[in-house]
Protein backbone atom coordinates (compact mmCIF):
# COMPACT_ATOMS: atom_id res chain seq x y z
CA UNK A 1 81.33 58.81 105.08
CA UNK A 2 79.25 61.16 102.58
CA UNK A 3 76.29 58.60 102.72
CA UNK A 4 76.45 57.62 106.26
CA UNK A 5 76.77 61.56 107.67
CA UNK A 6 74.44 64.23 106.71
CA UNK A 7 75.33 67.52 106.43
CA UNK A 8 72.68 68.29 109.02
CA UNK A 9 75.54 65.84 111.75
CA UNK A 10 78.50 67.61 110.76
CA UNK A 11 76.81 71.36 111.22
CA UNK A 12 75.81 70.16 114.81
CA UNK A 13 79.03 68.66 115.26
CA UNK A 14 80.65 71.50 114.27
CA UNK A 15 78.38 74.56 116.12
CA UNK A 16 79.43 71.80 119.14
CA UNK A 17 82.97 72.56 118.24
CA UNK A 18 83.24 76.13 117.84
CA UNK A 19 81.40 76.08 121.05
CA UNK A 20 83.95 74.65 122.78
CA UNK A 21 86.94 76.46 121.23
CA UNK A 22 85.31 79.55 122.04
CA UNK A 23 85.14 78.78 125.85
CA UNK A 24 88.69 77.72 125.46
CA UNK A 25 90.45 80.55 123.21
CA UNK A 26 88.34 82.68 126.03
CA UNK A 27 90.92 81.77 128.64
CA UNK A 28 93.27 81.98 126.55
CA UNK A 29 96.51 84.40 126.33
CA UNK A 30 98.97 86.29 128.37
CA UNK A 31 96.12 86.79 131.04
CA UNK A 32 95.01 83.31 131.72
CA UNK A 33 91.87 82.86 133.02
CA UNK A 34 89.97 79.76 134.71
CA UNK A 35 87.37 78.36 133.97
CA UNK A 36 85.11 79.00 136.77
CA UNK A 37 85.53 82.59 137.05
CA UNK A 38 85.23 82.41 132.49
CA UNK A 39 81.29 80.67 133.34
CA UNK A 40 80.75 83.35 136.07
CA UNK A 41 82.01 86.16 133.63
CA UNK A 42 79.42 85.05 130.97
CA UNK A 43 76.81 84.26 132.97
CA UNK A 44 76.86 87.59 134.82
CA UNK A 45 74.40 89.09 132.07
CA UNK A 46 71.96 86.26 131.99
CA UNK A 47 71.87 85.06 135.98
CA UNK A 48 72.07 89.14 136.98
CA UNK A 49 74.80 87.46 139.72
CA UNK A 50 77.99 88.96 140.14
CA UNK A 51 80.80 87.52 138.39
CA UNK A 52 83.62 85.85 140.54
CA UNK A 53 86.39 86.86 138.12
CA UNK A 54 87.73 90.98 138.51
CA UNK A 55 87.12 93.59 136.73
CA UNK A 56 90.12 93.10 134.90
CA UNK A 57 89.22 89.52 133.92
CA UNK A 58 85.65 91.11 132.37
CA UNK A 59 87.38 93.53 130.13
CA UNK A 60 89.46 90.99 128.76
CA UNK A 61 86.97 88.20 128.22
CA UNK A 62 83.89 91.08 126.64
CA UNK A 63 86.12 93.62 125.39
CA UNK A 64 89.37 92.14 123.57
CA UNK A 65 88.90 88.66 123.11
CA UNK A 66 85.19 88.12 122.34
CA UNK A 67 85.01 90.68 119.74
CA UNK A 68 88.75 89.06 118.56
CA UNK A 69 87.37 85.23 118.20
CA UNK A 70 83.87 86.58 116.31
CA UNK A 71 86.01 88.74 114.15
CA UNK A 72 88.27 85.49 113.11
CA UNK A 73 85.30 83.18 113.27
CA UNK A 74 83.23 85.50 110.62
CA UNK A 75 86.33 85.72 108.31
CA UNK A 76 87.20 81.97 108.50
CA UNK A 77 83.71 81.11 107.77
CA UNK A 78 83.59 83.70 105.02
CA UNK A 79 86.73 82.94 103.38
CA UNK A 80 86.23 79.23 103.15
CA UNK A 81 82.51 79.85 101.48
CA UNK A 82 84.43 82.04 99.46
CA UNK A 83 86.91 79.85 98.09
CA UNK A 84 84.10 76.87 97.34
CA UNK A 85 81.81 79.32 95.12
CA UNK A 86 85.04 80.27 93.35
CA UNK A 87 86.12 76.54 92.54
CA UNK A 88 82.39 76.03 91.13
CA UNK A 89 81.89 79.57 89.53
CA UNK A 90 85.83 78.67 87.62
CA UNK A 91 84.88 74.87 87.54
CA UNK A 92 88.25 74.26 89.09
CA UNK A 93 89.34 72.77 92.37
CA UNK A 94 92.55 74.86 92.89
CA UNK A 95 91.14 78.30 92.76
CA UNK A 96 90.70 80.44 96.25
CA UNK A 97 90.45 84.25 97.26
CA UNK A 98 94.47 83.73 97.35
CA UNK A 99 95.12 82.02 94.36
CA UNK A 100 93.51 83.56 91.42
CA UNK A 101 94.99 86.87 93.19
CA UNK A 102 91.44 88.29 94.45
CA UNK A 103 92.72 88.92 98.70
CA UNK A 104 96.11 90.61 96.91
CA UNK A 105 93.73 92.52 94.42
CA UNK A 106 92.04 93.99 97.71
CA UNK A 107 94.96 94.61 99.91
CA UNK A 108 95.75 97.96 96.81
CA UNK A 109 92.49 99.30 97.75
CA UNK A 110 93.37 99.10 101.70
CA UNK A 111 96.39 99.97 101.45
CA UNK A 112 95.75 102.78 99.20
CA UNK A 113 93.15 103.66 101.46
CA UNK A 114 95.59 103.71 104.77
CA UNK A 115 97.80 105.95 102.81
CA UNK A 116 95.46 108.39 101.79
CA UNK A 117 93.69 108.08 105.50
CA UNK A 118 90.25 107.48 104.14
CA UNK A 119 89.04 105.44 107.04
CA UNK A 120 87.23 102.49 107.71
CA UNK A 121 84.59 103.17 105.65
CA UNK A 122 86.79 103.77 102.93
CA UNK A 123 89.39 101.13 103.49
CA UNK A 124 86.24 98.50 102.92
CA UNK A 125 85.02 100.42 99.78
CA UNK A 126 88.68 100.61 98.68
CA UNK A 127 89.40 97.22 99.03
CA UNK A 128 85.69 95.99 97.49
CA UNK A 129 86.75 97.99 94.30
CA UNK A 130 89.93 97.07 93.88
CA UNK A 131 89.18 93.13 95.08
CA UNK A 132 86.42 93.52 92.15
CA UNK A 133 88.29 94.16 90.05
CA UNK A 134 91.51 91.29 90.29
CA UNK A 135 88.30 89.19 89.73
CA UNK A 136 86.75 90.45 86.91
CA UNK A 137 90.52 90.72 85.10
CA UNK A 138 90.91 86.48 86.05
CA UNK A 139 87.51 86.35 84.43
CA UNK A 140 87.97 88.20 81.31
CA UNK A 141 91.71 86.17 80.63
CA UNK A 142 90.04 82.58 81.41
CA UNK A 143 87.28 83.52 79.00
CA UNK A 144 90.07 84.66 76.26
CA UNK A 145 91.64 80.95 76.59
CA UNK A 146 90.64 78.53 74.30
CA UNK A 147 89.98 75.81 76.63
CA UNK A 148 89.64 76.81 80.53
CA UNK A 149 91.87 74.51 82.60
CA UNK A 150 93.13 74.39 85.91
CA UNK A 151 96.77 75.60 84.55
CA UNK A 152 95.31 78.87 82.80
CA UNK A 153 93.29 79.68 85.73
CA UNK A 154 95.94 79.74 88.16
CA UNK A 155 98.62 81.09 85.77
CA UNK A 156 96.04 84.24 85.18
CA UNK A 157 95.96 84.58 89.26
CA UNK A 158 99.57 84.09 89.36
CA UNK A 159 100.32 87.11 87.29
CA UNK A 160 97.80 89.17 88.21
CA UNK A 161 98.64 88.46 92.07
CA UNK A 162 102.34 89.75 91.31
CA UNK A 163 101.22 92.38 89.59
CA UNK A 164 98.15 93.58 92.36
CA UNK A 165 101.84 93.23 94.34
CA UNK A 166 104.00 94.92 92.84
CA UNK A 167 101.24 98.01 93.18
CA UNK A 168 101.29 97.08 97.05
CA UNK A 169 104.87 97.64 96.81
CA UNK A 170 104.86 100.95 95.17
CA UNK A 171 102.29 102.27 98.23
CA UNK A 172 104.69 100.95 100.52
CA UNK A 173 107.93 102.72 99.13
CA UNK A 174 105.90 106.06 98.63
CA UNK A 175 104.10 105.70 102.17
CA UNK A 176 105.90 107.75 105.20
CA UNK A 177 108.62 105.63 106.80
CA UNK A 178 107.83 106.62 110.34
CA UNK A 179 103.84 106.85 110.08
CA UNK A 180 101.90 105.27 107.00
CA UNK A 181 104.77 102.76 106.42
CA UNK A 182 104.44 100.55 109.69
CA UNK A 183 101.10 100.70 110.25
CA UNK A 184 100.34 99.31 106.25
CA UNK A 185 103.15 96.15 106.58
CA UNK A 186 102.01 95.09 109.75
CA UNK A 187 98.43 95.05 108.02
CA UNK A 188 99.48 93.25 105.50
CA UNK A 189 100.84 90.31 107.39
CA UNK A 190 96.91 89.92 109.00
CA UNK A 191 96.05 89.85 112.49
CA UNK A 192 92.75 90.26 114.63
CA UNK A 193 94.94 91.65 117.19
CA UNK A 194 92.49 95.27 116.86
CA UNK A 195 89.85 93.47 116.62
CA UNK A 196 86.78 95.66 117.85
CA UNK A 197 82.55 95.76 118.38
CA UNK A 198 83.53 98.04 115.29
CA UNK A 199 85.12 96.20 113.36
CA UNK A 200 82.91 93.21 114.14
CA UNK A 201 80.33 95.18 112.73
CA UNK A 202 82.24 96.33 109.32
CA UNK A 203 82.93 93.28 108.75
CA UNK A 204 79.71 91.38 110.05
CA UNK A 205 77.10 92.87 107.81
CA UNK A 206 78.95 92.41 104.32
CA UNK A 207 80.27 88.82 104.98
CA UNK A 208 76.84 87.81 106.36
CA UNK A 209 74.40 89.15 103.57
CA UNK A 210 77.21 87.83 101.28
CA UNK A 211 77.20 84.83 102.36
CA UNK A 212 73.05 84.49 102.69
CA UNK A 213 73.19 85.66 98.70
CA UNK A 214 75.58 82.54 98.30
CA UNK A 215 73.87 80.17 100.46
CA UNK A 216 70.48 80.61 98.52
CA UNK A 217 72.61 80.47 94.95
CA UNK A 218 73.67 77.51 96.08
CA UNK A 219 71.49 75.32 94.07
CA UNK A 220 72.08 77.45 90.73
CA UNK A 221 75.90 77.12 91.54
CA UNK A 222 75.23 73.24 91.51
CA UNK A 223 74.06 73.62 87.59
CA UNK A 224 76.74 76.26 86.92
CA UNK A 225 79.49 73.70 87.71
CA UNK A 226 77.92 71.46 85.21
CA UNK A 227 78.97 74.01 82.63
CA UNK A 228 77.25 77.01 80.58
CA UNK A 229 75.88 74.85 77.93
CA UNK A 230 74.15 72.49 80.42
CA UNK A 231 72.95 75.42 83.13
CA UNK A 232 71.11 77.21 79.53
CA UNK A 233 69.57 74.34 78.78
CA UNK A 234 67.99 74.08 81.88
CA UNK A 235 67.07 77.85 81.56
CA UNK A 236 69.90 79.59 84.30
CA UNK A 237 70.98 82.77 83.17
CA UNK A 238 74.94 82.32 83.16
CA UNK A 239 76.23 85.31 82.55
CA UNK A 240 74.23 87.46 85.70
CA UNK A 241 74.51 84.04 88.40
CA UNK A 242 78.38 84.80 87.51
CA UNK A 243 78.13 88.37 87.73
CA UNK A 244 76.23 88.27 91.00
CA UNK A 245 78.34 85.42 92.81
CA UNK A 246 81.55 87.21 91.98
CA UNK A 247 80.43 90.01 93.44
CA UNK A 248 79.10 88.64 96.07
CA UNK A 249 82.88 86.90 96.70
CA UNK A 250 84.73 90.43 96.67
CA UNK A 251 82.31 91.62 99.31
CA UNK A 252 83.46 89.06 101.87
CA UNK A 253 87.06 88.84 100.57
CA UNK A 254 87.09 92.95 100.69
CA UNK A 255 85.33 93.14 104.06
CA UNK A 256 87.88 90.55 105.78
CA UNK A 257 90.78 92.37 104.30
CA UNK A 258 89.65 95.41 105.51
CA UNK A 259 88.97 94.06 108.89
CA UNK A 260 92.36 91.69 109.03
CA UNK A 261 94.76 92.49 106.46
CA UNK A 262 95.48 89.95 104.21
CA UNK A 263 94.84 86.04 104.90
CA UNK A 264 95.31 83.50 102.20
CA UNK A 265 94.78 80.15 101.63
CA UNK A 266 91.56 79.21 103.50
CA UNK A 267 89.48 79.47 100.82
CA UNK A 268 91.34 77.38 98.97
CA UNK A 269 92.09 74.40 102.01
CA UNK A 270 88.87 74.43 104.20
CA UNK A 271 85.93 74.15 101.22
CA UNK A 272 88.41 70.38 99.55
CA UNK A 273 87.90 69.64 103.60
CA UNK A 274 84.19 70.16 103.60
CA UNK A 275 84.09 68.74 100.26
CA UNK A 276 85.51 65.28 101.54
CA UNK A 277 82.46 65.01 104.42
CA UNK A 278 79.62 66.33 102.33
CA UNK A 279 80.58 65.85 98.50
CA UNK A 280 80.25 68.57 95.54
CA UNK A 281 76.73 69.06 96.31
CA UNK A 282 77.06 73.51 97.28
CA UNK A 283 73.80 73.34 99.52
CA UNK A 284 75.47 71.49 101.97
CA UNK A 285 79.39 72.11 100.80
CA UNK A 286 78.07 75.71 101.45
CA UNK A 287 77.41 75.99 105.14
CA UNK A 288 80.35 73.17 106.35
CA UNK A 289 82.86 75.49 104.65
CA UNK A 290 81.68 78.42 106.70
CA UNK A 291 81.83 76.64 109.73
CA UNK A 292 84.86 74.62 109.04
CA UNK A 293 86.21 78.15 108.53
CA UNK A 294 85.30 79.40 111.39
CA UNK A 295 86.82 76.60 113.71
CA UNK A 296 90.00 76.92 111.57
CA UNK A 297 90.55 80.14 111.50
CA UNK A 298 90.21 80.47 115.40
CA UNK A 299 92.18 77.31 115.62
CA UNK A 300 94.95 79.47 114.03
CA UNK A 301 94.38 82.65 116.22
CA UNK A 302 94.53 81.00 119.12
CA UNK A 303 98.12 79.50 117.44
CA UNK A 304 99.29 83.07 116.38
CA UNK A 305 98.65 84.76 119.75
CA UNK A 306 99.91 82.14 122.24
CA UNK A 307 102.43 79.99 120.82
CA UNK A 308 105.33 82.70 121.64
CA UNK A 309 105.76 85.92 123.39
CA UNK A 310 105.33 88.36 120.28
CA UNK A 311 102.19 87.55 118.23
CA UNK A 312 102.81 85.43 114.89
CA UNK A 313 101.06 87.17 111.46
CA UNK A 314 98.20 84.76 110.45
CA UNK A 315 99.26 84.92 106.27
CA UNK A 316 102.39 83.21 107.86
CA UNK A 317 100.50 80.16 109.85
CA UNK A 318 97.82 79.92 107.00
CA UNK A 319 100.70 79.88 104.40
CA UNK A 320 102.83 77.36 106.45
CA UNK A 321 99.33 74.90 105.85
CA UNK A 322 97.73 76.06 102.92
CA UNK A 323 101.14 75.90 100.33
CA UNK A 324 101.87 71.97 100.76
CA UNK A 325 98.05 71.25 100.62
CA UNK A 326 97.96 73.19 97.34
CA UNK A 327 101.15 71.16 96.00
CA UNK A 328 99.36 67.52 97.07
CA UNK A 329 96.41 69.44 95.18
CA UNK A 330 98.07 70.18 92.42
CA UNK A 331 99.96 66.81 91.91
CA UNK A 332 96.62 65.20 91.94
CA UNK A 333 94.91 67.23 89.40
CA UNK A 334 97.43 66.34 86.83
CA UNK A 335 97.82 62.73 88.14
CA UNK A 336 94.06 63.00 87.26
CA UNK A 337 93.76 65.21 84.45
CA UNK A 338 91.31 67.59 86.24
CA UNK A 339 90.18 70.56 83.59
CA UNK A 340 88.18 72.62 85.40
């Protein structure tokens, strides 16, 4: 598969799949819209013709569903790239933003921001600060180990996730039960239901900038994944490079958490699926991971808002998918003796 199918072909197929999924997603929901009306609504700004759909359908398409789908795509793609980069930086196939506590760390800052009423920008900055702190703590802990290994990184992430989860619980405990607490709880469960073009802008700027940086540094991630000694032999400043990549990951995760709450497992599962198609070369892996993450997240969001009368939180669906996959990967790593 890796030799027969190029990354460009894979990206083309994923791009077409995303466009088809976009069209289908715009028709789904409690207010169904026919494909003919959808086509007329989408072509109206270009063709300058009157759309067949009524004003309600236009509002549903452009104001409600379009920003939601675009936010879901950016969030999924960003988390997938962040997970792939973390796996390369730590040289560990079992790490991801959720597994090593980055997402949980970012939720501390986000929950604190909601409690104190800091607004959207404050939410993003606070989530970035706490997410970056969690990354630094995981990296510091793994550096103290006599030999970095899969179990050590996972255990460090579990311990720090528990610590940050306790802080989130403390914030919930002191929050006003009538106003602040319901907002924090709903936000923590993860949802794109409140997506707007303002939130899309808030997410797109940091996510696209950080993702572009990680794509530019993809070939250096290949060198870094070989080990520090090999990287230094090739005149790569490993410390500086790691800081840049970890900062970019923290930016992506914090932006996603600020906009849609905590969404786990995407950064673990999607890079593995992409690696089956592209191999370990991060120059191919990262863009394919982004597109696969975008398609995956839109699919999950469609299920969340269409399966039942009330919307299912995204964290529930991603955990149902991600937890079994993580167990399979953990068993595979132990049987093959992966050590990062």
